[in-house]
Amino acid sequence: MQPVPQARTRFENSAPILKVAAIAASLRYYVEVLGFRNAPWGTVDFTCVNRDAAAIYLCRGGQGQAGTWVWIGVEDGHVLRFGSEPRGDKPFDSWTG
């Protein structure tokens, strides 16, 4: 007897949570430089920025982890990467991300 195929759950989107040191400074960058919009419900500890179909949560505190990598594809083929300067106390190859 053949197994009955199961319906697959449809993935609607993905929204990473990035840990930030300061919500206000991060919002200025995402909104003023990159053109994202801030969620109207955001707080000083947690918010979401979005642009078109891309959303990124910004969290000050317990959620997210420093060193997270995010890939966001755009229709014209450019790939945007966000990063920070290497840390002397934590070599790149020791990150398990």
N, C-alpha and C. Protein backbone atom coordinates (compact mmCIF):
# COMPACT_ATOMS: atom_id res chain seq x y z
N MET A 1 0.84 -1.17 0.00
CA MET A 1 0.00 0.00 0.00
C MET A 1 0.89 1.24 0.00
N GLN A 2 0.60 2.18 -0.89
CA GLN A 2 1.36 3.44 -0.99
C GLN A 2 0.95 4.39 0.12
N PRO A 3 1.93 5.11 0.70
CA PRO A 3 1.57 6.10 1.72
C PRO A 3 0.76 7.23 1.09
N VAL A 4 -0.15 7.77 1.85
CA VAL A 4 -0.97 8.89 1.38
C VAL A 4 -0.12 10.16 1.50
N PRO A 5 0.03 10.91 0.39
CA PRO A 5 0.82 12.14 0.47
C PRO A 5 0.18 13.14 1.43
N GLN A 6 1.00 13.73 2.25
CA GLN A 6 0.53 14.74 3.20
C GLN A 6 0.64 16.12 2.57
N ALA A 7 -0.32 16.98 2.86
CA ALA A 7 -0.25 18.36 2.39
C ALA A 7 0.93 19.04 3.09
N ARG A 8 1.67 19.79 2.32
CA ARG A 8 2.82 20.49 2.89
C ARG A 8 2.39 21.86 3.38
N THR A 9 2.94 22.26 4.50
CA THR A 9 2.68 23.59 5.03
C THR A 9 3.31 24.62 4.12
N ARG A 10 2.55 25.63 3.75
CA ARG A 10 3.05 26.69 2.87
C ARG A 10 3.79 27.73 3.70
N PHE A 11 5.00 28.05 3.32
CA PHE A 11 5.76 29.12 3.97
C PHE A 11 5.34 30.43 3.35
N GLU A 12 4.84 31.35 4.15
CA GLU A 12 4.39 32.64 3.64
C GLU A 12 5.52 33.65 3.57
N ASN A 13 6.38 33.69 4.56
CA ASN A 13 7.50 34.63 4.56
C ASN A 13 8.46 34.25 5.67
N SER A 14 9.51 35.00 5.77
CA SER A 14 10.50 34.80 6.81
C SER A 14 10.87 36.18 7.35
N ALA A 15 10.94 36.32 8.65
CA ALA A 15 11.28 37.61 9.26
C ALA A 15 12.28 37.36 10.38
N PRO A 16 13.56 37.56 10.12
CA PRO A 16 14.57 37.33 11.15
C PRO A 16 14.45 38.33 12.29
N ILE A 17 14.96 37.94 13.44
CA ILE A 17 15.04 38.82 14.60
C ILE A 17 16.51 39.14 14.82
N LEU A 18 16.84 40.42 14.73
CA LEU A 18 18.22 40.86 14.91
C LEU A 18 18.37 41.58 16.25
N LYS A 19 19.37 41.19 17.00
CA LYS A 19 19.66 41.85 18.27
C LYS A 19 20.41 43.14 17.97
N VAL A 20 19.93 44.25 18.54
CA VAL A 20 20.58 45.55 18.34
C VAL A 20 20.86 46.19 19.69
N ALA A 21 21.86 47.05 19.72
CA ALA A 21 22.22 47.72 20.97
C ALA A 21 21.27 48.88 21.27
N ALA A 22 20.80 49.56 20.23
CA ALA A 22 19.93 50.72 20.42
C ALA A 22 18.86 50.74 19.33
N ILE A 23 17.61 50.63 19.73
CA ILE A 23 16.51 50.63 18.77
C ILE A 23 16.48 51.94 17.98
N ALA A 24 16.59 53.08 18.66
CA ALA A 24 16.48 54.37 17.99
C ALA A 24 17.54 54.54 16.89
N ALA A 25 18.77 54.21 17.19
CA ALA A 25 19.85 54.34 16.19
C ALA A 25 19.63 53.36 15.04
N SER A 26 19.21 52.14 15.35
CA SER A 26 18.96 51.15 14.31
C SER A 26 17.82 51.59 13.41
N LEU A 27 16.75 52.12 14.01
CA LEU A 27 15.62 52.61 13.22
C LEU A 27 16.03 53.73 12.28
N ARG A 28 16.85 54.65 12.75
CA ARG A 28 17.31 55.74 11.87
C ARG A 28 17.99 55.16 10.64
N TYR A 29 18.82 54.14 10.81
CA TYR A 29 19.53 53.54 9.69
C TYR A 29 18.57 52.82 8.74
N TYR A 30 17.73 51.95 9.27
CA TYR A 30 16.82 51.19 8.42
C TYR A 30 15.80 52.08 7.72
N VAL A 31 15.29 53.09 8.41
CA VAL A 31 14.26 53.96 7.83
C VAL A 31 14.87 55.04 6.94
N GLU A 32 15.84 55.79 7.44
CA GLU A 32 16.38 56.93 6.70
C GLU A 32 17.36 56.54 5.61
N VAL A 33 18.14 55.52 5.83
CA VAL A 33 19.16 55.13 4.84
C VAL A 33 18.63 54.06 3.89
N LEU A 34 17.99 53.01 4.43
CA LEU A 34 17.58 51.88 3.61
C LEU A 34 16.13 51.95 3.13
N GLY A 35 15.35 52.90 3.63
CA GLY A 35 13.99 53.08 3.14
C GLY A 35 12.94 52.14 3.71
N PHE A 36 13.21 51.50 4.84
CA PHE A 36 12.21 50.65 5.49
C PHE A 36 11.19 51.51 6.22
N ARG A 37 10.06 50.93 6.59
CA ARG A 37 9.04 51.58 7.42
C ARG A 37 9.02 50.90 8.78
N ASN A 38 8.86 51.70 9.83
CA ASN A 38 8.78 51.16 11.18
C ASN A 38 7.35 50.76 11.48
N ALA A 39 7.17 49.68 12.20
CA ALA A 39 5.83 49.24 12.62
C ALA A 39 5.24 50.25 13.60
N PRO A 40 3.95 50.54 13.49
CA PRO A 40 3.34 51.51 14.40
C PRO A 40 3.28 51.03 15.84
N TRP A 41 3.45 49.75 16.08
CA TRP A 41 3.36 49.20 17.43
C TRP A 41 4.72 49.07 18.12
N GLY A 42 5.80 49.49 17.48
CA GLY A 42 7.14 49.29 18.04
C GLY A 42 7.34 49.95 19.39
N THR A 43 8.26 49.38 20.16
CA THR A 43 8.61 49.93 21.48
C THR A 43 10.11 50.21 21.51
N VAL A 44 10.61 50.66 22.65
CA VAL A 44 12.05 50.93 22.78
C VAL A 44 12.85 49.64 22.87
N ASP A 45 12.17 48.49 23.02
CA ASP A 45 12.86 47.21 23.14
C ASP A 45 12.63 46.27 21.97
N PHE A 46 11.56 46.48 21.20
CA PHE A 46 11.23 45.54 20.13
C PHE A 46 10.39 46.24 19.07
N THR A 47 10.76 46.05 17.81
CA THR A 47 9.99 46.63 16.72
C THR A 47 10.21 45.80 15.47
N CYS A 48 9.54 46.19 14.42
CA CYS A 48 9.69 45.51 13.13
C CYS A 48 9.78 46.58 12.06
N VAL A 49 10.72 46.42 11.14
CA VAL A 49 10.79 47.31 9.99
C VAL A 49 10.46 46.47 8.76
N ASN A 50 9.82 47.10 7.78
CA ASN A 50 9.49 46.35 6.57
C ASN A 50 9.62 47.24 5.35
N ARG A 51 9.84 46.57 4.25
CA ARG A 51 9.93 47.22 2.96
C ARG A 51 9.50 46.19 1.93
N ASP A 52 8.48 46.50 1.17
CA ASP A 52 7.89 45.56 0.23
C ASP A 52 7.52 44.28 0.99
N ALA A 53 8.01 43.13 0.60
CA ALA A 53 7.65 41.88 1.27
C ALA A 53 8.69 41.45 2.31
N ALA A 54 9.70 42.28 2.56
CA ALA A 54 10.75 41.93 3.53
C ALA A 54 10.46 42.58 4.88
N ALA A 55 10.61 41.80 5.94
CA ALA A 55 10.43 42.33 7.29
C ALA A 55 11.59 41.84 8.15
N ILE A 56 12.05 42.72 9.03
CA ILE A 56 13.12 42.39 9.96
C ILE A 56 12.71 42.89 11.33
N TYR A 57 12.70 42.01 12.31
CA TYR A 57 12.45 42.42 13.68
C TYR A 57 13.75 42.89 14.29
N LEU A 58 13.66 43.95 15.09
CA LEU A 58 14.81 44.48 15.80
C LEU A 58 14.51 44.36 17.29
N CYS A 59 15.44 43.78 18.03
CA CYS A 59 15.21 43.52 19.45
C CYS A 59 16.40 43.97 20.28
N ARG A 60 16.11 44.69 21.33
CA ARG A 60 17.13 45.06 22.30
C ARG A 60 16.88 44.19 23.52
N GLY A 61 17.76 43.24 23.73
CA GLY A 61 17.57 42.38 24.89
C GLY A 61 17.63 40.91 24.55
N GLY A 62 16.66 40.15 25.06
CA GLY A 62 16.72 38.70 25.08
C GLY A 62 16.60 37.95 23.77
N GLN A 63 15.97 38.50 22.76
CA GLN A 63 15.81 37.76 21.51
C GLN A 63 16.92 38.13 20.53
N GLY A 64 17.13 37.28 19.57
CA GLY A 64 18.17 37.53 18.59
C GLY A 64 19.54 37.24 19.18
N GLN A 65 20.54 37.23 18.32
CA GLN A 65 21.89 36.92 18.76
C GLN A 65 22.87 37.72 17.90
N ALA A 66 23.88 38.25 18.52
CA ALA A 66 24.90 38.99 17.78
C ALA A 66 25.55 38.06 16.76
N GLY A 67 25.87 38.59 15.60
CA GLY A 67 26.54 37.81 14.57
C GLY A 67 25.61 37.11 13.61
N THR A 68 24.32 37.41 13.65
CA THR A 68 23.35 36.78 12.75
C THR A 68 23.57 37.27 11.32
N TRP A 69 23.47 36.36 10.36
CA TRP A 69 23.56 36.71 8.94
C TRP A 69 22.17 36.62 8.35
N VAL A 70 21.84 37.57 7.48
CA VAL A 70 20.53 37.59 6.82
C VAL A 70 20.74 37.85 5.35
N TRP A 71 20.05 37.10 4.51
CA TRP A 71 20.08 37.34 3.06
C TRP A 71 18.69 37.79 2.65
N ILE A 72 18.63 38.92 1.93
CA ILE A 72 17.37 39.42 1.41
C ILE A 72 17.55 39.60 -0.08
N GLY A 73 16.82 38.85 -0.87
CA GLY A 73 16.91 38.96 -2.32
C GLY A 73 16.04 40.09 -2.84
N VAL A 74 16.52 40.77 -3.85
CA VAL A 74 15.74 41.83 -4.48
C VAL A 74 15.63 41.54 -5.97
N GLU A 75 14.59 42.09 -6.60
CA GLU A 75 14.27 41.70 -7.97
C GLU A 75 15.32 42.05 -9.01
N ASP A 76 16.14 43.06 -8.79
CA ASP A 76 17.12 43.42 -9.82
C ASP A 76 18.45 42.69 -9.67
N GLY A 77 18.53 41.71 -8.76
CA GLY A 77 19.71 40.88 -8.66
C GLY A 77 20.73 41.30 -7.65
N HIS A 78 20.59 42.52 -7.03
CA HIS A 78 21.53 42.95 -6.00
C HIS A 78 21.28 42.16 -4.73
N VAL A 79 22.32 41.89 -4.00
CA VAL A 79 22.20 41.22 -2.71
C VAL A 79 22.75 42.18 -1.67
N LEU A 80 21.97 42.45 -0.63
CA LEU A 80 22.39 43.34 0.45
C LEU A 80 22.86 42.49 1.61
N ARG A 81 24.00 42.81 2.14
CA ARG A 81 24.50 42.11 3.32
C ARG A 81 24.76 43.14 4.40
N PHE A 82 24.32 42.85 5.59
CA PHE A 82 24.57 43.72 6.72
C PHE A 82 25.62 43.04 7.58
N GLY A 83 26.53 43.83 8.09
CA GLY A 83 27.57 43.23 8.90
C GLY A 83 28.18 44.25 9.83
N SER A 84 29.20 43.83 10.51
CA SER A 84 29.92 44.72 11.41
C SER A 84 31.40 44.43 11.26
N GLU A 85 32.18 45.30 11.83
CA GLU A 85 33.62 45.11 11.79
C GLU A 85 33.99 43.88 12.61
N PRO A 86 35.03 43.16 12.20
CA PRO A 86 35.46 41.99 12.99
C PRO A 86 35.85 42.39 14.40
N ARG A 87 35.60 41.51 15.32
CA ARG A 87 35.96 41.74 16.71
C ARG A 87 37.27 41.03 17.02
N GLY A 88 38.17 41.74 17.64
CA GLY A 88 39.46 41.16 17.99
C GLY A 88 39.36 40.03 18.99
N ASP A 89 38.34 40.08 19.86
CA ASP A 89 38.20 39.05 20.89
C ASP A 89 37.42 37.83 20.39
N LYS A 90 36.94 37.86 19.13
CA LYS A 90 36.16 36.74 18.62
C LYS A 90 36.47 36.58 17.13
N PRO A 91 37.44 35.74 16.79
CA PRO A 91 37.79 35.55 15.38
C PRO A 91 36.60 35.03 14.58
N PHE A 92 36.55 35.42 13.31
CA PHE A 92 35.44 35.04 12.43
C PHE A 92 35.20 33.55 12.39
N ASP A 93 36.25 32.75 12.28
CA ASP A 93 36.06 31.32 12.12
C ASP A 93 35.57 30.63 13.40
N SER A 94 35.51 31.36 14.52
CA SER A 94 34.97 30.74 15.73
C SER A 94 33.47 30.94 15.87
N TRP A 95 32.88 31.75 14.98
CA TRP A 95 31.44 31.98 15.03
C TRP A 95 30.72 30.77 14.49
N THR A 96 29.73 30.33 15.20
CA THR A 96 28.94 29.21 14.72
C THR A 96 27.62 29.67 14.16
N GLY A 97 27.33 30.98 14.28
CA GLY A 97 26.19 31.63 13.70
C GLY A 97 24.91 31.00 13.89
